[in-house]
Amino acid sequence: MGKVLEESLIYEILSAVAEIPEGKVASYGQIARLVGREKNARLVGKVLGMAESYGDYPCHRVVNHAGRLAPYFREQRELLAAEGVECMENGCVDMRKNQWEA
């Protein structure tokens, strides 16, 4: 990622995240595929890490492919639980039950 992220790509990723319905989650890879960058799941994570600078987006609804929550996003579990998304005993979201079918 030697280049600076283009604002248009940032907003494209954040717009896809904004489409995730309440009570559902999407994976970083799923968002990357939706914006035509299927091999750039880490790029999605990078953009979500700076999303506050661009407005209010439901970034808490994005988890990794196995349902694992973001390690430094302490409020994520609480925000998901408030929407009816519970974590399993291992701390991950059940993707079969809660994944957004985009």
N, C-alpha and C. Protein backbone atom coordinates (compact mmCIF):
# COMPACT_ATOMS: atom_id res chain seq x y z
N MET A 1 0.84 -1.19 0.00
CA MET A 1 0.00 0.00 0.00
C MET A 1 0.88 1.25 0.00
N GLY A 2 1.70 1.36 -0.99
CA GLY A 2 2.57 2.49 -1.07
C GLY A 2 1.86 3.79 -1.41
N LYS A 3 0.71 3.69 -2.06
CA LYS A 3 0.00 4.89 -2.46
C LYS A 3 -0.90 5.39 -1.34
N VAL A 4 -1.17 6.66 -1.39
CA VAL A 4 -2.13 7.25 -0.46
C VAL A 4 -3.52 6.81 -0.89
N LEU A 5 -4.35 6.49 0.07
CA LEU A 5 -5.72 6.08 -0.25
C LEU A 5 -6.49 7.23 -0.87
N GLU A 6 -7.17 6.93 -1.93
CA GLU A 6 -8.00 7.94 -2.57
C GLU A 6 -9.30 8.09 -1.78
N GLU A 7 -9.74 9.32 -1.63
CA GLU A 7 -10.98 9.59 -0.89
C GLU A 7 -12.16 8.84 -1.49
N SER A 8 -12.20 8.73 -2.79
CA SER A 8 -13.32 8.04 -3.43
C SER A 8 -13.39 6.58 -3.00
N LEU A 9 -12.24 5.91 -2.85
CA LEU A 9 -12.22 4.53 -2.40
C LEU A 9 -12.63 4.44 -0.93
N ILE A 10 -12.18 5.37 -0.14
CA ILE A 10 -12.56 5.40 1.28
C ILE A 10 -14.08 5.50 1.40
N TYR A 11 -14.66 6.44 0.67
CA TYR A 11 -16.11 6.61 0.75
C TYR A 11 -16.87 5.43 0.14
N GLU A 12 -16.29 4.76 -0.84
CA GLU A 12 -16.92 3.58 -1.41
C GLU A 12 -16.99 2.46 -0.37
N ILE A 13 -15.90 2.27 0.34
CA ILE A 13 -15.86 1.26 1.40
C ILE A 13 -16.83 1.62 2.52
N LEU A 14 -16.81 2.87 2.96
CA LEU A 14 -17.69 3.29 4.05
C LEU A 14 -19.16 3.24 3.63
N SER A 15 -19.45 3.49 2.37
CA SER A 15 -20.83 3.39 1.87
C SER A 15 -21.31 1.94 1.91
N ALA A 16 -20.43 1.00 1.59
CA ALA A 16 -20.78 -0.41 1.67
C ALA A 16 -21.05 -0.81 3.12
N VAL A 17 -20.23 -0.33 4.03
CA VAL A 17 -20.43 -0.61 5.46
C VAL A 17 -21.76 -0.03 5.94
N ALA A 18 -22.11 1.14 5.45
CA ALA A 18 -23.37 1.79 5.85
C ALA A 18 -24.58 0.98 5.43
N GLU A 19 -24.43 0.09 4.45
CA GLU A 19 -25.54 -0.73 3.96
C GLU A 19 -25.82 -1.95 4.83
N ILE A 20 -24.89 -2.31 5.70
CA ILE A 20 -25.08 -3.50 6.55
C ILE A 20 -26.26 -3.23 7.48
N PRO A 21 -27.30 -4.06 7.42
CA PRO A 21 -28.47 -3.82 8.26
C PRO A 21 -28.18 -4.05 9.75
N GLU A 22 -28.93 -3.35 10.58
CA GLU A 22 -28.84 -3.55 12.02
C GLU A 22 -29.13 -5.02 12.33
N GLY A 23 -28.33 -5.58 13.22
CA GLY A 23 -28.51 -6.97 13.61
C GLY A 23 -27.78 -7.96 12.71
N LYS A 24 -27.01 -7.47 11.77
CA LYS A 24 -26.23 -8.32 10.87
C LYS A 24 -24.78 -7.88 10.89
N VAL A 25 -23.88 -8.75 10.45
CA VAL A 25 -22.46 -8.42 10.34
C VAL A 25 -21.97 -8.82 8.96
N ALA A 26 -20.86 -8.22 8.56
CA ALA A 26 -20.18 -8.57 7.32
C ALA A 26 -18.70 -8.75 7.64
N SER A 27 -18.01 -9.49 6.80
CA SER A 27 -16.57 -9.66 7.00
C SER A 27 -15.82 -8.59 6.21
N TYR A 28 -14.57 -8.38 6.59
CA TYR A 28 -13.72 -7.44 5.87
C TYR A 28 -13.62 -7.84 4.40
N GLY A 29 -13.46 -9.14 4.16
CA GLY A 29 -13.37 -9.64 2.80
C GLY A 29 -14.65 -9.44 2.02
N GLN A 30 -15.77 -9.60 2.67
CA GLN A 30 -17.06 -9.38 2.02
C GLN A 30 -17.19 -7.94 1.56
N ILE A 31 -16.80 -7.00 2.40
CA ILE A 31 -16.85 -5.59 2.03
C ILE A 31 -15.87 -5.33 0.87
N ALA A 32 -14.70 -5.92 0.93
CA ALA A 32 -13.72 -5.75 -0.15
C ALA A 32 -14.29 -6.25 -1.48
N ARG A 33 -14.96 -7.40 -1.46
CA ARG A 33 -15.58 -7.92 -2.68
C ARG A 33 -16.67 -7.00 -3.19
N LEU A 34 -17.46 -6.44 -2.28
CA LEU A 34 -18.55 -5.56 -2.68
C LEU A 34 -18.06 -4.30 -3.41
N VAL A 35 -16.85 -3.85 -3.09
CA VAL A 35 -16.33 -2.65 -3.74
C VAL A 35 -15.35 -3.00 -4.87
N GLY A 36 -15.32 -4.28 -5.25
CA GLY A 36 -14.48 -4.69 -6.37
C GLY A 36 -13.02 -4.81 -6.06
N ARG A 37 -12.67 -5.00 -4.79
CA ARG A 37 -11.26 -5.13 -4.37
C ARG A 37 -11.10 -6.42 -3.58
N GLU A 38 -11.48 -7.54 -4.16
CA GLU A 38 -11.63 -8.79 -3.43
C GLU A 38 -10.41 -9.26 -2.65
N LYS A 39 -9.25 -8.85 -3.01
CA LYS A 39 -8.04 -9.27 -2.28
C LYS A 39 -7.56 -8.22 -1.29
N ASN A 40 -8.41 -7.27 -0.96
CA ASN A 40 -7.98 -6.16 -0.11
C ASN A 40 -8.75 -6.06 1.20
N ALA A 41 -8.95 -7.18 1.88
CA ALA A 41 -9.64 -7.16 3.17
C ALA A 41 -8.89 -6.30 4.19
N ARG A 42 -7.57 -6.33 4.17
CA ARG A 42 -6.79 -5.51 5.11
C ARG A 42 -6.97 -4.03 4.83
N LEU A 43 -7.14 -3.69 3.58
CA LEU A 43 -7.41 -2.30 3.22
C LEU A 43 -8.72 -1.84 3.85
N VAL A 44 -9.71 -2.71 3.83
CA VAL A 44 -11.00 -2.39 4.46
C VAL A 44 -10.77 -2.12 5.94
N GLY A 45 -10.00 -2.97 6.61
CA GLY A 45 -9.70 -2.76 8.02
C GLY A 45 -9.00 -1.44 8.27
N LYS A 46 -8.08 -1.08 7.39
CA LYS A 46 -7.37 0.19 7.54
C LYS A 46 -8.34 1.36 7.42
N VAL A 47 -9.23 1.30 6.44
CA VAL A 47 -10.21 2.37 6.26
C VAL A 47 -11.14 2.46 7.47
N LEU A 48 -11.58 1.32 7.98
CA LEU A 48 -12.48 1.35 9.14
C LEU A 48 -11.78 1.93 10.37
N GLY A 49 -10.47 1.74 10.45
CA GLY A 49 -9.71 2.29 11.57
C GLY A 49 -9.67 3.81 11.58
N MET A 50 -9.94 4.42 10.44
CA MET A 50 -9.94 5.89 10.37
C MET A 50 -11.32 6.44 10.01
N ALA A 51 -12.34 5.62 10.11
CA ALA A 51 -13.69 6.00 9.69
C ALA A 51 -14.25 7.19 10.46
N GLU A 52 -13.88 7.35 11.72
CA GLU A 52 -14.40 8.47 12.51
C GLU A 52 -14.12 9.82 11.86
N SER A 53 -13.06 9.89 11.10
CA SER A 53 -12.70 11.14 10.42
C SER A 53 -13.63 11.47 9.26
N TYR A 54 -14.45 10.50 8.86
CA TYR A 54 -15.30 10.67 7.68
C TYR A 54 -16.79 10.69 8.01
N GLY A 55 -17.14 10.52 9.25
CA GLY A 55 -18.55 10.53 9.62
C GLY A 55 -18.90 9.38 10.53
N ASP A 56 -20.17 9.13 10.66
CA ASP A 56 -20.68 8.10 11.57
C ASP A 56 -21.10 6.88 10.76
N TYR A 57 -20.33 5.81 10.84
CA TYR A 57 -20.59 4.59 10.09
C TYR A 57 -20.66 3.41 11.07
N PRO A 58 -21.46 2.39 10.76
CA PRO A 58 -21.60 1.25 11.67
C PRO A 58 -20.45 0.24 11.54
N CYS A 59 -19.25 0.71 11.80
CA CYS A 59 -18.06 -0.13 11.65
C CYS A 59 -18.07 -1.33 12.59
N HIS A 60 -18.84 -1.23 13.66
CA HIS A 60 -18.92 -2.34 14.62
C HIS A 60 -19.55 -3.58 13.98
N ARG A 61 -20.19 -3.43 12.84
CA ARG A 61 -20.84 -4.56 12.16
C ARG A 61 -19.89 -5.32 11.24
N VAL A 62 -18.61 -4.98 11.26
CA VAL A 62 -17.63 -5.67 10.42
C VAL A 62 -16.69 -6.48 11.32
N VAL A 63 -16.58 -7.76 11.01
CA VAL A 63 -15.75 -8.70 11.78
C VAL A 63 -14.88 -9.48 10.79
N ASN A 64 -13.99 -10.31 11.29
CA ASN A 64 -13.20 -11.09 10.34
C ASN A 64 -14.03 -12.27 9.82
N HIS A 65 -13.50 -13.02 8.88
CA HIS A 65 -14.26 -14.09 8.22
C HIS A 65 -14.76 -15.17 9.18
N ALA A 66 -14.08 -15.34 10.30
CA ALA A 66 -14.49 -16.34 11.29
C ALA A 66 -15.40 -15.75 12.36
N GLY A 67 -15.72 -14.46 12.25
CA GLY A 67 -16.59 -13.82 13.22
C GLY A 67 -15.86 -13.19 14.39
N ARG A 68 -14.53 -13.18 14.35
CA ARG A 68 -13.75 -12.61 15.44
C ARG A 68 -13.87 -11.09 15.43
N LEU A 69 -14.04 -10.53 16.61
CA LEU A 69 -14.17 -9.08 16.76
C LEU A 69 -12.81 -8.40 16.62
N ALA A 70 -12.83 -7.12 16.34
CA ALA A 70 -11.60 -6.34 16.21
C ALA A 70 -10.92 -6.26 17.58
N PRO A 71 -9.64 -6.56 17.67
CA PRO A 71 -8.97 -6.65 18.97
C PRO A 71 -8.90 -5.36 19.77
N TYR A 72 -8.90 -4.20 19.12
CA TYR A 72 -8.76 -2.95 19.85
C TYR A 72 -10.04 -2.13 19.88
N PHE A 73 -11.15 -2.75 19.56
CA PHE A 73 -12.45 -2.07 19.50
C PHE A 73 -13.29 -2.61 20.65
N ARG A 74 -13.04 -2.09 21.83
CA ARG A 74 -13.64 -2.62 23.07
C ARG A 74 -15.16 -2.56 23.10
N GLU A 75 -15.73 -1.56 22.47
CA GLU A 75 -17.19 -1.38 22.51
C GLU A 75 -17.91 -2.25 21.48
N GLN A 76 -17.19 -2.90 20.60
CA GLN A 76 -17.81 -3.63 19.50
C GLN A 76 -18.81 -4.68 19.98
N ARG A 77 -18.43 -5.47 20.96
CA ARG A 77 -19.32 -6.52 21.46
C ARG A 77 -20.62 -5.92 22.02
N GLU A 78 -20.49 -4.84 22.77
CA GLU A 78 -21.67 -4.20 23.36
C GLU A 78 -22.58 -3.62 22.28
N LEU A 79 -22.00 -2.98 21.28
CA LEU A 79 -22.79 -2.40 20.20
C LEU A 79 -23.53 -3.48 19.43
N LEU A 80 -22.86 -4.60 19.17
CA LEU A 80 -23.52 -5.70 18.47
C LEU A 80 -24.62 -6.32 19.32
N ALA A 81 -24.35 -6.51 20.60
CA ALA A 81 -25.35 -7.09 21.50
C ALA A 81 -26.59 -6.22 21.57
N ALA A 82 -26.42 -4.90 21.53
CA ALA A 82 -27.55 -3.97 21.56
C ALA A 82 -28.43 -4.13 20.32
N GLU A 83 -27.85 -4.68 19.24
CA GLU A 83 -28.60 -4.91 18.01
C GLU A 83 -29.09 -6.35 17.90
N GLY A 84 -28.85 -7.15 18.94
CA GLY A 84 -29.31 -8.54 18.93
C GLY A 84 -28.32 -9.54 18.40
N VAL A 85 -27.08 -9.12 18.16
CA VAL A 85 -26.03 -10.03 17.68
C VAL A 85 -25.22 -10.47 18.89
N GLU A 86 -25.36 -11.73 19.24
CA GLU A 86 -24.64 -12.26 20.40
C GLU A 86 -23.40 -13.00 19.95
N CYS A 87 -22.42 -13.02 20.82
CA CYS A 87 -21.20 -13.77 20.55
C CYS A 87 -21.31 -15.16 21.15
N MET A 88 -20.64 -16.11 20.52
CA MET A 88 -20.60 -17.49 21.02
C MET A 88 -19.62 -17.55 22.20
N GLU A 89 -19.50 -18.71 22.80
CA GLU A 89 -18.61 -18.89 23.95
C GLU A 89 -17.16 -18.53 23.62
N ASN A 90 -16.76 -18.73 22.38
CA ASN A 90 -15.37 -18.44 21.99
C ASN A 90 -15.14 -16.95 21.71
N GLY A 91 -16.19 -16.13 21.86
CA GLY A 91 -16.07 -14.69 21.67
C GLY A 91 -16.33 -14.22 20.25
N CYS A 92 -16.60 -15.16 19.35
CA CYS A 92 -16.84 -14.81 17.95
C CYS A 92 -18.34 -14.75 17.65
N VAL A 93 -18.68 -13.98 16.64
CA VAL A 93 -20.05 -13.91 16.15
C VAL A 93 -20.31 -15.17 15.32
N ASP A 94 -21.48 -15.75 15.44
CA ASP A 94 -21.86 -16.90 14.62
C ASP A 94 -22.19 -16.38 13.22
N MET A 95 -21.27 -16.56 12.29
CA MET A 95 -21.44 -16.01 10.94
C MET A 95 -22.59 -16.68 10.19
N ARG A 96 -22.82 -17.96 10.46
CA ARG A 96 -23.93 -18.64 9.78
C ARG A 96 -25.28 -18.03 10.16
N LYS A 97 -25.37 -17.54 11.34
CA LYS A 97 -26.63 -16.98 11.85
C LYS A 97 -26.75 -15.49 11.60
N ASN A 98 -25.64 -14.77 11.63
CA ASN A 98 -25.69 -13.31 11.64
C ASN A 98 -25.10 -12.60 10.42
N GLN A 99 -24.55 -13.36 9.46
CA GLN A 99 -23.90 -12.69 8.34
C GLN A 99 -24.92 -12.07 7.38
N TRP A 100 -24.61 -10.87 6.97
CA TRP A 100 -25.42 -10.12 5.99
C TRP A 100 -25.28 -10.81 4.64
N GLU A 101 -26.39 -11.08 4.03
CA GLU A 101 -26.40 -11.71 2.70
C GLU A 101 -26.49 -10.59 1.66
N ALA A 102 -25.35 -10.02 1.32
CA ALA A 102 -25.32 -8.92 0.35
C ALA A 102 -25.13 -9.44 -1.05
